[in-house]
Every structure is written in structure tokens, then in C-alpha cells.
Amino acid sequence: MNGFKSGMRLASWCVAAVASSLLFAGCGTLKQTAAPTLGAGDSVAIASIANYTETPSAGRSAEAIAASVLRANGLKDVRFAPAEAGSNALFDTAQSEGADQKLEWAQSQQVRYILTGAVEEWRYKTGVDGEPVVGLTLELIDVQSGHVVWSATGARSGWSRSSLASVATSLIGHVLAPLAASH
């Protein structure tokens, strides 16, 4: 009986620890549309992610994290679209001048989807605590139709002891969670 009580106390402590870590993991928000069903063999090319921040290479960092997350989500063919000199991103395909070229490249490479987007925030807040904050928007474009088939926007902040990379990885992981390969 003593072992049972000890086990219950341990379980209660574990539940409290998990709840506390979730409570203190930072604040965030996420809005997204319904995701298409992806197969493990569906190819996704990551196009340039626009950097609308003052942080150099924030878009490139978001691209690298997104590629890693998609691979971890079970997609076997994740690649990078060639970057265009002076291009900000293939975002908002109705207005992007480079959209047609990216779609033509993707079709020639037999890519099924293009992931693109924009980073709106990628920094440490100023002040005593200097919390990391990340905000971004992503779109998944069906290469055959050229239509956006999924989009999401999210923002997350961490605590003063959090790193910007951990907050960004966590946010991008949550944003891309629906884009997991179905079994």
C-alpha cells in the first residue's frame, strides 16, 4: 500500500510539473485553415520566406527550421526552391512577379507543393527581460493549380531565459503540425 501512495504522489507531481511547464512555456497564438492530406511521398519545395523584420536572415532561418520540421513530420521529399536574386518571397501569389517562374520550376521538378511565407517578427524585445518573440505566416501552394491550399499565421513569445531559436522552432513546429504525412 505504501508503494501505491508513493506512486500516486509521483504521478501527481509529474502532472503538476507538466502543467507548470506548459503554463510557463510562453504565450502564443495560432490561426490556420484546414490542411490537405499529405502522403510521405508528396514533395514540398520551400520557396523564399520573406523577411519583414530588422533581423538579418530571419527568413532563411525560418526556411531551415520549416524544412527540418516537415521532414520530422514524415515528408521524405523536402527541398529548397532556387532563390532569386533580389526576390523577397513567393508570397501572395496573386501579386508576386516571380510566382509564375517558381511554379514553372516546381512543375519541371515534379514538386507537388510549394511552402512559402513571411516572417513578421523575429527578435528579442527590448527592456530588462528581453523576451524572444517570433511571428510568421506560411502558405502551402498546390503546384498544379497554383492555388493556396493551406495557410497559417502564428506568433509566440518566450520568457527571458528562452532562446530565440527555441521559440522559433516551437512556433514553426506548431504551425506546421497539420502538414504531417498520413500513414
N, C-alpha and C. Protein backbone atom coordinates (compact mmCIF):
# COMPACT_ATOMS: atom_id res chain seq x y z
N MET A 1 0.81 -1.20 0.00
CA MET A 1 0.00 0.00 0.00
C MET A 1 0.86 1.26 0.00
N ASN A 2 1.99 1.18 0.70
CA ASN A 2 2.90 2.32 0.76
C ASN A 2 3.45 2.65 -0.61
N GLY A 3 3.74 1.62 -1.43
CA GLY A 3 4.23 1.82 -2.79
C GLY A 3 3.19 2.49 -3.67
N PHE A 4 1.91 2.14 -3.45
CA PHE A 4 0.83 2.73 -4.23
C PHE A 4 0.73 4.23 -3.95
N LYS A 5 0.79 4.62 -2.67
CA LYS A 5 0.72 6.04 -2.29
C LYS A 5 1.90 6.81 -2.86
N SER A 6 3.07 6.17 -2.80
CA SER A 6 4.26 6.81 -3.34
C SER A 6 4.13 7.01 -4.85
N GLY A 7 3.60 6.01 -5.53
CA GLY A 7 3.37 6.10 -6.98
C GLY A 7 2.37 7.19 -7.32
N MET A 8 1.32 7.32 -6.53
CA MET A 8 0.31 8.35 -6.76
C MET A 8 0.90 9.75 -6.55
N ARG A 9 1.75 9.89 -5.51
CA ARG A 9 2.40 11.17 -5.28
C ARG A 9 3.31 11.54 -6.45
N LEU A 10 4.05 10.55 -6.94
CA LEU A 10 4.94 10.78 -8.07
C LEU A 10 4.14 11.18 -9.31
N ALA A 11 3.04 10.48 -9.56
CA ALA A 11 2.19 10.80 -10.71
C ALA A 11 1.61 12.21 -10.57
N SER A 12 1.17 12.57 -9.37
CA SER A 12 0.62 13.91 -9.14
C SER A 12 1.69 14.98 -9.37
N TRP A 13 2.90 14.70 -8.89
CA TRP A 13 4.00 15.64 -9.07
C TRP A 13 4.30 15.81 -10.56
N CYS A 14 4.32 14.69 -11.31
CA CYS A 14 4.60 14.75 -12.75
C CYS A 14 3.55 15.57 -13.49
N VAL A 15 2.26 15.37 -13.15
CA VAL A 15 1.19 16.14 -13.77
C VAL A 15 1.35 17.62 -13.46
N ALA A 16 1.69 17.95 -12.23
CA ALA A 16 1.89 19.35 -11.85
C ALA A 16 3.08 19.95 -12.59
N ALA A 17 4.14 19.17 -12.75
CA ALA A 17 5.33 19.66 -13.45
C ALA A 17 5.02 19.94 -14.92
N VAL A 18 4.30 19.02 -15.55
CA VAL A 18 3.93 19.21 -16.96
C VAL A 18 3.02 20.43 -17.11
N ALA A 19 2.04 20.56 -16.24
CA ALA A 19 1.13 21.70 -16.30
C ALA A 19 1.88 23.01 -16.11
N SER A 20 2.81 23.03 -15.17
CA SER A 20 3.61 24.23 -14.93
C SER A 20 4.47 24.58 -16.14
N SER A 21 5.07 23.56 -16.74
CA SER A 21 5.93 23.85 -17.90
C SER A 21 5.11 24.38 -19.06
N LEU A 22 3.90 23.87 -19.23
CA LEU A 22 3.03 24.40 -20.29
C LEU A 22 2.61 25.84 -19.99
N LEU A 23 2.34 26.10 -18.71
CA LEU A 23 1.93 27.43 -18.31
C LEU A 23 3.05 28.44 -18.53
N PHE A 24 4.28 28.02 -18.26
CA PHE A 24 5.42 28.93 -18.35
C PHE A 24 6.17 28.84 -19.67
N ALA A 25 5.65 28.13 -20.64
CA ALA A 25 6.35 27.95 -21.92
C ALA A 25 6.29 29.19 -22.81
N GLY A 26 5.55 30.18 -22.41
CA GLY A 26 5.43 31.38 -23.22
C GLY A 26 4.03 31.51 -23.76
N CYS A 27 3.76 32.65 -24.34
CA CYS A 27 2.42 32.92 -24.86
C CYS A 27 2.46 32.89 -26.37
N GLY A 28 1.35 32.49 -26.95
CA GLY A 28 1.31 32.45 -28.40
C GLY A 28 -0.11 32.38 -28.93
N THR A 29 -0.20 32.56 -30.23
CA THR A 29 -1.48 32.46 -30.91
C THR A 29 -1.26 31.79 -32.26
N LEU A 30 -2.29 31.10 -32.73
CA LEU A 30 -2.19 30.38 -34.00
C LEU A 30 -3.55 30.37 -34.67
N LYS A 31 -3.57 30.74 -35.94
CA LYS A 31 -4.78 30.68 -36.78
C LYS A 31 -4.41 29.99 -38.06
N GLN A 32 -5.24 29.03 -38.51
CA GLN A 32 -4.92 28.32 -39.74
C GLN A 32 -6.16 27.75 -40.39
N THR A 33 -6.02 27.46 -41.68
CA THR A 33 -7.10 26.82 -42.43
C THR A 33 -6.92 25.31 -42.36
N ALA A 34 -7.89 24.58 -42.87
CA ALA A 34 -7.79 23.13 -42.91
C ALA A 34 -6.66 22.71 -43.85
N ALA A 35 -5.90 21.72 -43.42
CA ALA A 35 -4.74 21.28 -44.20
C ALA A 35 -5.13 20.13 -45.14
N PRO A 36 -4.49 20.07 -46.29
CA PRO A 36 -4.72 18.92 -47.17
C PRO A 36 -4.07 17.68 -46.58
N THR A 37 -4.51 16.52 -47.02
CA THR A 37 -3.89 15.28 -46.60
C THR A 37 -2.63 15.07 -47.41
N LEU A 38 -1.51 14.95 -46.73
CA LEU A 38 -0.23 14.76 -47.40
C LEU A 38 0.25 13.33 -47.23
N GLY A 39 0.83 12.79 -48.28
CA GLY A 39 1.45 11.48 -48.20
C GLY A 39 2.94 11.63 -47.97
N ALA A 40 3.56 10.61 -47.44
CA ALA A 40 5.00 10.67 -47.16
C ALA A 40 5.80 10.95 -48.43
N GLY A 41 5.29 10.53 -49.59
CA GLY A 41 6.00 10.74 -50.85
C GLY A 41 5.71 12.05 -51.54
N ASP A 42 4.78 12.85 -50.99
CA ASP A 42 4.50 14.16 -51.60
C ASP A 42 5.71 15.06 -51.45
N SER A 43 6.11 15.69 -52.53
CA SER A 43 7.27 16.57 -52.49
C SER A 43 6.85 17.99 -52.17
N VAL A 44 7.64 18.63 -51.33
CA VAL A 44 7.40 20.02 -50.93
C VAL A 44 8.69 20.80 -51.15
N ALA A 45 8.59 21.89 -51.89
CA ALA A 45 9.73 22.78 -52.06
C ALA A 45 9.49 24.01 -51.20
N ILE A 46 10.51 24.39 -50.48
CA ILE A 46 10.41 25.59 -49.66
C ILE A 46 10.97 26.75 -50.47
N ALA A 47 10.08 27.69 -50.78
CA ALA A 47 10.49 28.88 -51.52
C ALA A 47 10.97 29.92 -50.51
N SER A 48 11.48 30.99 -51.00
CA SER A 48 11.96 32.06 -50.12
C SER A 48 10.86 32.51 -49.18
N ILE A 49 11.22 32.66 -47.91
CA ILE A 49 10.29 33.21 -46.92
C ILE A 49 10.72 34.65 -46.70
N ALA A 50 9.78 35.55 -46.97
CA ALA A 50 10.08 36.98 -46.87
C ALA A 50 10.47 37.36 -45.46
N ASN A 51 11.39 38.28 -45.36
CA ASN A 51 11.84 38.78 -44.07
C ASN A 51 11.39 40.22 -43.92
N TYR A 52 10.30 40.42 -43.18
CA TYR A 52 9.78 41.77 -42.96
C TYR A 52 10.23 42.30 -41.60
N THR A 53 11.34 41.82 -41.11
CA THR A 53 11.87 42.23 -39.82
C THR A 53 13.17 43.01 -40.02
N GLU A 54 13.70 43.49 -38.94
CA GLU A 54 15.01 44.15 -38.98
C GLU A 54 16.13 43.16 -38.67
N THR A 55 15.78 41.89 -38.44
CA THR A 55 16.77 40.86 -38.12
C THR A 55 17.28 40.24 -39.41
N PRO A 56 18.57 40.36 -39.69
CA PRO A 56 19.12 39.78 -40.92
C PRO A 56 18.90 38.27 -40.97
N SER A 57 18.55 37.77 -42.13
CA SER A 57 18.39 36.33 -42.41
C SER A 57 17.29 35.63 -41.61
N ALA A 58 16.34 36.36 -41.08
CA ALA A 58 15.24 35.72 -40.35
C ALA A 58 14.44 34.80 -41.28
N GLY A 59 14.23 35.22 -42.51
CA GLY A 59 13.52 34.38 -43.47
C GLY A 59 14.26 33.09 -43.76
N ARG A 60 15.57 33.17 -43.92
CA ARG A 60 16.40 31.97 -44.18
C ARG A 60 16.36 31.03 -42.97
N SER A 61 16.40 31.59 -41.78
CA SER A 61 16.32 30.76 -40.58
C SER A 61 14.97 30.04 -40.52
N ALA A 62 13.90 30.76 -40.83
CA ALA A 62 12.56 30.15 -40.84
C ALA A 62 12.48 29.04 -41.89
N GLU A 63 13.11 29.24 -43.05
CA GLU A 63 13.13 28.21 -44.10
C GLU A 63 13.81 26.94 -43.60
N ALA A 64 14.96 27.09 -42.97
CA ALA A 64 15.72 25.93 -42.49
C ALA A 64 14.94 25.17 -41.42
N ILE A 65 14.33 25.90 -40.49
CA ILE A 65 13.54 25.24 -39.44
C ILE A 65 12.33 24.55 -40.06
N ALA A 66 11.66 25.20 -41.00
CA ALA A 66 10.48 24.60 -41.64
C ALA A 66 10.85 23.31 -42.36
N ALA A 67 11.98 23.30 -43.06
CA ALA A 67 12.40 22.07 -43.76
C ALA A 67 12.62 20.94 -42.77
N SER A 68 13.27 21.23 -41.68
CA SER A 68 13.53 20.21 -40.66
C SER A 68 12.23 19.69 -40.05
N VAL A 69 11.31 20.61 -39.75
CA VAL A 69 10.03 20.21 -39.16
C VAL A 69 9.24 19.35 -40.14
N LEU A 70 9.19 19.72 -41.41
CA LEU A 70 8.44 18.92 -42.40
C LEU A 70 9.03 17.51 -42.52
N ARG A 71 10.35 17.41 -42.49
CA ARG A 71 10.98 16.08 -42.53
C ARG A 71 10.63 15.29 -41.28
N ALA A 72 10.65 15.94 -40.14
CA ALA A 72 10.27 15.27 -38.89
C ALA A 72 8.80 14.87 -38.91
N ASN A 73 7.97 15.59 -39.67
CA ASN A 73 6.55 15.27 -39.80
C ASN A 73 6.31 14.10 -40.77
N GLY A 74 7.37 13.51 -41.30
CA GLY A 74 7.23 12.32 -42.13
C GLY A 74 7.29 12.55 -43.62
N LEU A 75 7.52 13.78 -44.06
CA LEU A 75 7.64 14.03 -45.50
C LEU A 75 9.07 13.70 -45.93
N LYS A 76 9.18 12.86 -46.92
CA LYS A 76 10.51 12.36 -47.32
C LYS A 76 11.19 13.23 -48.37
N ASP A 77 10.42 14.01 -49.13
CA ASP A 77 10.99 14.81 -50.21
C ASP A 77 10.74 16.29 -49.95
N VAL A 78 11.60 16.87 -49.14
CA VAL A 78 11.54 18.31 -48.84
C VAL A 78 12.81 18.92 -49.40
N ARG A 79 12.64 19.92 -50.24
CA ARG A 79 13.81 20.56 -50.87
C ARG A 79 13.60 22.07 -50.90
N PHE A 80 14.65 22.77 -51.28
CA PHE A 80 14.59 24.22 -51.36
C PHE A 80 14.50 24.65 -52.82
N ALA A 81 13.59 25.56 -53.09
CA ALA A 81 13.50 26.15 -54.43
C ALA A 81 14.68 27.09 -54.60
N PRO A 82 15.17 27.24 -55.83
CA PRO A 82 16.28 28.18 -56.03
C PRO A 82 15.86 29.60 -55.68
N ALA A 83 16.76 30.29 -54.99
CA ALA A 83 16.48 31.67 -54.59
C ALA A 83 16.74 32.60 -55.77
N GLU A 84 15.88 33.57 -55.93
CA GLU A 84 16.06 34.57 -56.98
C GLU A 84 16.79 35.76 -56.39
N ALA A 85 17.73 36.30 -57.12
CA ALA A 85 18.44 37.48 -56.66
C ALA A 85 17.47 38.64 -56.52
N GLY A 86 17.48 39.26 -55.37
CA GLY A 86 16.63 40.42 -55.14
C GLY A 86 15.19 40.07 -54.84
N SER A 87 14.85 38.79 -54.81
CA SER A 87 13.48 38.39 -54.54
C SER A 87 13.25 38.36 -53.05
N ASN A 88 12.07 38.81 -52.62
CA ASN A 88 11.74 38.78 -51.21
C ASN A 88 11.07 37.47 -50.86
N ALA A 89 10.14 37.01 -51.67
CA ALA A 89 9.49 35.72 -51.43
C ALA A 89 8.38 35.51 -52.44
N LEU A 90 7.99 34.25 -52.55
CA LEU A 90 6.79 33.90 -53.32
C LEU A 90 5.65 33.88 -52.32
N PHE A 91 5.12 35.03 -52.04
CA PHE A 91 4.07 35.15 -51.04
C PHE A 91 2.99 36.01 -51.65
N ASP A 92 1.75 35.65 -51.38
CA ASP A 92 0.61 36.29 -52.00
C ASP A 92 0.75 36.15 -53.52
N THR A 93 0.51 34.94 -53.99
CA THR A 93 0.78 34.59 -55.38
C THR A 93 0.01 35.44 -56.38
N ALA A 94 -1.07 36.04 -55.96
CA ALA A 94 -1.82 36.88 -56.88
C ALA A 94 -1.03 38.14 -57.25
N GLN A 95 -0.08 38.54 -56.39
CA GLN A 95 0.64 39.78 -56.64
C GLN A 95 2.12 39.58 -56.89
N SER A 96 2.63 38.39 -56.74
CA SER A 96 4.07 38.16 -56.86
C SER A 96 4.49 38.04 -58.31
N GLU A 97 5.51 38.82 -58.67
CA GLU A 97 6.01 38.77 -60.04
C GLU A 97 6.74 37.47 -60.32
N GLY A 98 7.40 36.89 -59.33
CA GLY A 98 8.17 35.67 -59.52
C GLY A 98 7.36 34.40 -59.34
N ALA A 99 6.07 34.52 -59.07
CA ALA A 99 5.25 33.34 -58.79
C ALA A 99 5.22 32.38 -59.98
N ASP A 100 5.05 32.91 -61.18
CA ASP A 100 4.97 32.05 -62.36
C ASP A 100 6.27 31.27 -62.57
N GLN A 101 7.41 31.92 -62.36
CA GLN A 101 8.69 31.24 -62.53
C GLN A 101 8.87 30.14 -61.48
N LYS A 102 8.48 30.41 -60.25
CA LYS A 102 8.60 29.39 -59.19
C LYS A 102 7.69 28.20 -59.49
N LEU A 103 6.49 28.48 -59.95
CA LEU A 103 5.57 27.39 -60.28
C LEU A 103 6.09 26.58 -61.46
N GLU A 104 6.63 27.26 -62.46
CA GLU A 104 7.21 26.54 -63.61
C GLU A 104 8.38 25.67 -63.17
N TRP A 105 9.25 26.20 -62.30
CA TRP A 105 10.37 25.41 -61.79
C TRP A 105 9.85 24.20 -61.03
N ALA A 106 8.86 24.40 -60.17
CA ALA A 106 8.31 23.30 -59.37
C ALA A 106 7.68 22.23 -60.27
N GLN A 107 6.97 22.65 -61.31
CA GLN A 107 6.38 21.69 -62.24
C GLN A 107 7.47 20.90 -62.96
N SER A 108 8.54 21.57 -63.37
CA SER A 108 9.63 20.87 -64.07
C SER A 108 10.36 19.89 -63.16
N GLN A 109 10.29 20.11 -61.86
CA GLN A 109 10.94 19.23 -60.89
C GLN A 109 9.97 18.20 -60.29
N GLN A 110 8.76 18.16 -60.79
CA GLN A 110 7.70 17.29 -60.28
C GLN A 110 7.44 17.49 -58.78
N VAL A 111 7.46 18.74 -58.35
CA VAL A 111 7.16 19.08 -56.97
C VAL A 111 5.64 19.23 -56.85
N ARG A 112 5.08 18.69 -55.79
CA ARG A 112 3.63 18.74 -55.59
C ARG A 112 3.19 20.06 -54.94
N TYR A 113 3.95 20.52 -53.94
CA TYR A 113 3.58 21.72 -53.19
C TYR A 113 4.78 22.65 -53.03
N ILE A 114 4.47 23.93 -52.88
CA ILE A 114 5.47 24.93 -52.50
C ILE A 114 5.03 25.54 -51.18
N LEU A 115 5.95 25.60 -50.23
CA LEU A 115 5.70 26.28 -48.96
C LEU A 115 6.42 27.61 -49.00
N THR A 116 5.71 28.66 -48.71
CA THR A 116 6.29 30.00 -48.70
C THR A 116 5.66 30.79 -47.58
N GLY A 117 6.09 32.01 -47.39
CA GLY A 117 5.51 32.81 -46.33
C GLY A 117 6.29 34.06 -46.04
N ALA A 118 6.08 34.57 -44.84
CA ALA A 118 6.73 35.80 -44.41
C ALA A 118 6.96 35.76 -42.91
N VAL A 119 8.10 36.32 -42.51
CA VAL A 119 8.40 36.49 -41.09
C VAL A 119 8.10 37.94 -40.75
N GLU A 120 7.20 38.14 -39.81
CA GLU A 120 6.82 39.50 -39.41
C GLU A 120 7.57 39.97 -38.17
N GLU A 121 7.98 39.01 -37.33
CA GLU A 121 8.69 39.37 -36.10
C GLU A 121 9.68 38.25 -35.76
N TRP A 122 10.89 38.63 -35.40
CA TRP A 122 11.95 37.65 -35.11
C TRP A 122 13.02 38.42 -34.32
N ARG A 123 12.82 38.56 -33.02
CA ARG A 123 13.73 39.40 -32.25
C ARG A 123 13.59 39.15 -30.76
N TYR A 124 14.43 39.80 -30.01
CA TYR A 124 14.28 39.90 -28.57
C TYR A 124 13.66 41.25 -28.28
N LYS A 125 12.62 41.27 -27.44
CA LYS A 125 12.03 42.54 -27.05
C LYS A 125 13.06 43.35 -26.27
N THR A 126 12.98 44.64 -26.41
CA THR A 126 13.88 45.49 -25.63
C THR A 126 13.34 45.62 -24.22
N GLY A 127 14.22 45.87 -23.31
CA GLY A 127 13.81 46.01 -21.92
C GLY A 127 14.65 45.14 -21.01
N VAL A 128 14.28 45.10 -19.78
CA VAL A 128 15.05 44.38 -18.77
C VAL A 128 15.09 42.89 -19.06
N ASP A 129 13.95 42.29 -19.39
CA ASP A 129 13.89 40.84 -19.56
C ASP A 129 14.29 40.37 -20.95
N GLY A 130 14.04 41.14 -21.98
CA GLY A 130 14.43 40.78 -23.34
C GLY A 130 13.85 39.48 -23.83
N GLU A 131 12.52 39.31 -23.73
CA GLU A 131 11.89 38.07 -24.17
C GLU A 131 11.98 37.89 -25.68
N PRO A 132 12.21 36.65 -26.14
CA PRO A 132 12.21 36.39 -27.58
C PRO A 132 10.79 36.35 -28.12
N VAL A 133 10.59 36.90 -29.32
CA VAL A 133 9.28 36.89 -29.97
C VAL A 133 9.45 36.54 -31.45
N VAL A 134 8.53 35.74 -31.94
CA VAL A 134 8.53 35.33 -33.34
C VAL A 134 7.10 35.40 -33.85
N GLY A 135 6.94 35.93 -35.06
CA GLY A 135 5.65 35.95 -35.73
C GLY A 135 5.84 35.65 -37.19
N LEU A 136 5.01 34.76 -37.74
CA LEU A 136 5.15 34.42 -39.15
C LEU A 136 3.85 33.94 -39.75
N THR A 137 3.81 33.96 -41.07
CA THR A 137 2.68 33.48 -41.84
C THR A 137 3.23 32.54 -42.90
N LEU A 138 2.58 31.39 -43.08
CA LEU A 138 3.01 30.41 -44.07
C LEU A 138 1.84 30.03 -44.97
N GLU A 139 2.15 29.69 -46.22
CA GLU A 139 1.16 29.23 -47.19
C GLU A 139 1.69 28.00 -47.90
N LEU A 140 0.81 27.05 -48.17
CA LEU A 140 1.13 25.88 -48.97
C LEU A 140 0.38 26.02 -50.29
N ILE A 141 1.14 26.00 -51.38
CA ILE A 141 0.56 26.21 -52.71
C ILE A 141 0.60 24.90 -53.48
N ASP A 142 -0.52 24.51 -54.07
CA ASP A 142 -0.59 23.34 -54.95
C ASP A 142 0.03 23.76 -56.28
N VAL A 143 1.07 23.08 -56.70
CA VAL A 143 1.82 23.49 -57.89
C VAL A 143 0.97 23.37 -59.15
N GLN A 144 0.15 22.34 -59.26
CA GLN A 144 -0.65 22.15 -60.48
C GLN A 144 -1.67 23.26 -60.68
N SER A 145 -2.36 23.63 -59.62
CA SER A 145 -3.41 24.64 -59.75
C SER A 145 -2.90 26.06 -59.49
N GLY A 146 -1.82 26.19 -58.72
CA GLY A 146 -1.33 27.50 -58.34
C GLY A 146 -2.12 28.12 -57.19
N HIS A 147 -3.04 27.36 -56.62
CA HIS A 147 -3.88 27.87 -55.53
C HIS A 147 -3.27 27.60 -54.17
N VAL A 148 -3.53 28.49 -53.24
CA VAL A 148 -3.15 28.28 -51.84
C VAL A 148 -4.12 27.27 -51.26
N VAL A 149 -3.61 26.13 -50.78
CA VAL A 149 -4.46 25.07 -50.24
C VAL A 149 -4.43 25.02 -48.72
N TRP A 150 -3.52 25.76 -48.11
CA TRP A 150 -3.43 25.83 -46.66
C TRP A 150 -2.67 27.11 -46.30
N SER A 151 -3.11 27.76 -45.25
CA SER A 151 -2.35 28.91 -44.75
C SER A 151 -2.50 28.98 -43.24
N ALA A 152 -1.49 29.55 -42.63
CA ALA A 152 -1.49 29.68 -41.17
C ALA A 152 -0.68 30.90 -40.77
N THR A 153 -1.05 31.47 -39.67
CA THR A 153 -0.27 32.55 -39.09
C THR A 153 -0.17 32.31 -37.60
N GLY A 154 0.99 32.59 -37.06
CA GLY A 154 1.20 32.36 -35.64
C GLY A 154 2.21 33.32 -35.06
N ALA A 155 2.11 33.48 -33.76
CA ALA A 155 3.06 34.31 -33.03
C ALA A 155 3.30 33.64 -31.68
N ARG A 156 4.50 33.80 -31.18
CA ARG A 156 4.84 33.21 -29.89
C ARG A 156 5.91 34.06 -29.24
N SER A 157 5.81 34.18 -27.93
CA SER A 157 6.86 34.83 -27.17
C SER A 157 7.35 33.86 -26.10
N GLY A 158 8.58 34.03 -25.73
CA GLY A 158 9.15 33.20 -24.69
C GLY A 158 9.45 34.04 -23.47
N TRP A 159 10.09 33.42 -22.52
CA TRP A 159 10.49 34.13 -21.31
C TRP A 159 11.92 34.59 -21.45
N SER A 160 12.39 35.37 -20.53
CA SER A 160 13.71 35.99 -20.64
C SER A 160 14.84 34.98 -20.74
N ARG A 161 14.66 33.78 -20.25
CA ARG A 161 15.71 32.77 -20.33
C ARG A 161 15.56 31.87 -21.55
N SER A 162 14.55 32.10 -22.37
CA SER A 162 14.34 31.32 -23.59
C SER A 162 15.22 31.88 -24.71
N SER A 163 15.61 31.00 -25.61
CA SER A 163 16.36 31.48 -26.77
C SER A 163 15.40 31.76 -27.92
N LEU A 164 15.81 32.64 -28.79
CA LEU A 164 15.02 32.96 -29.97
C LEU A 164 14.83 31.72 -30.84
N ALA A 165 15.88 30.92 -30.98
CA ALA A 165 15.81 29.71 -31.80
C ALA A 165 14.80 28.71 -31.23
N SER A 166 14.74 28.56 -29.91
CA SER A 166 13.79 27.61 -29.34
C SER A 166 12.36 28.09 -29.51
N VAL A 167 12.13 29.38 -29.38
CA VAL A 167 10.78 29.93 -29.58
C VAL A 167 10.38 29.77 -31.04
N ALA A 168 11.30 30.06 -31.97
CA ALA A 168 11.01 29.93 -33.39
C ALA A 168 10.73 28.48 -33.76
N THR A 169 11.54 27.56 -33.26
CA THR A 169 11.34 26.14 -33.57
C THR A 169 10.02 25.64 -33.02
N SER A 170 9.69 26.06 -31.82
CA SER A 170 8.41 25.67 -31.22
C SER A 170 7.23 26.21 -32.03
N LEU A 171 7.29 27.48 -32.39
CA LEU A 171 6.20 28.08 -33.16
C LEU A 171 6.06 27.41 -34.52
N ILE A 172 7.15 27.28 -35.25
CA ILE A 172 7.08 26.68 -36.58
C ILE A 172 6.61 25.22 -36.49
N GLY A 173 7.03 24.52 -35.45
CA GLY A 173 6.55 23.15 -35.24
C GLY A 173 5.05 23.10 -35.04
N HIS A 174 4.51 24.02 -34.25
CA HIS A 174 3.05 24.07 -34.05
C HIS A 174 2.33 24.48 -35.32
N VAL A 175 2.87 25.47 -36.02
CA VAL A 175 2.21 25.94 -37.24
C VAL A 175 2.17 24.83 -38.29
N LEU A 176 3.26 24.08 -38.44
CA LEU A 176 3.33 23.04 -39.47
C LEU A 176 2.81 21.67 -39.03
N ALA A 177 2.36 21.54 -37.80
CA ALA A 177 1.87 20.25 -37.30
C ALA A 177 0.79 19.62 -38.20
N PRO A 178 -0.14 20.39 -38.77
CA PRO A 178 -1.15 19.76 -39.63
C PRO A 178 -0.58 19.22 -40.95
N LEU A 179 0.63 19.63 -41.30
CA LEU A 179 1.24 19.17 -42.55
C LEU A 179 2.13 17.94 -42.29
N ALA A 180 1.57 16.99 -41.60
CA ALA A 180 2.28 15.73 -41.33
C ALA A 180 1.81 14.70 -42.35
N ALA A 181 2.72 13.81 -42.72
CA ALA A 181 2.38 12.75 -43.67
C ALA A 181 1.40 11.78 -43.03
N SER A 182 0.36 11.44 -43.77
CA SER A 182 -0.60 10.45 -43.27
C SER A 182 -0.05 9.06 -43.53
N HIS A 183 -0.42 8.15 -42.70
CA HIS A 183 0.13 6.79 -42.82
C HIS A 183 -0.73 5.94 -43.68
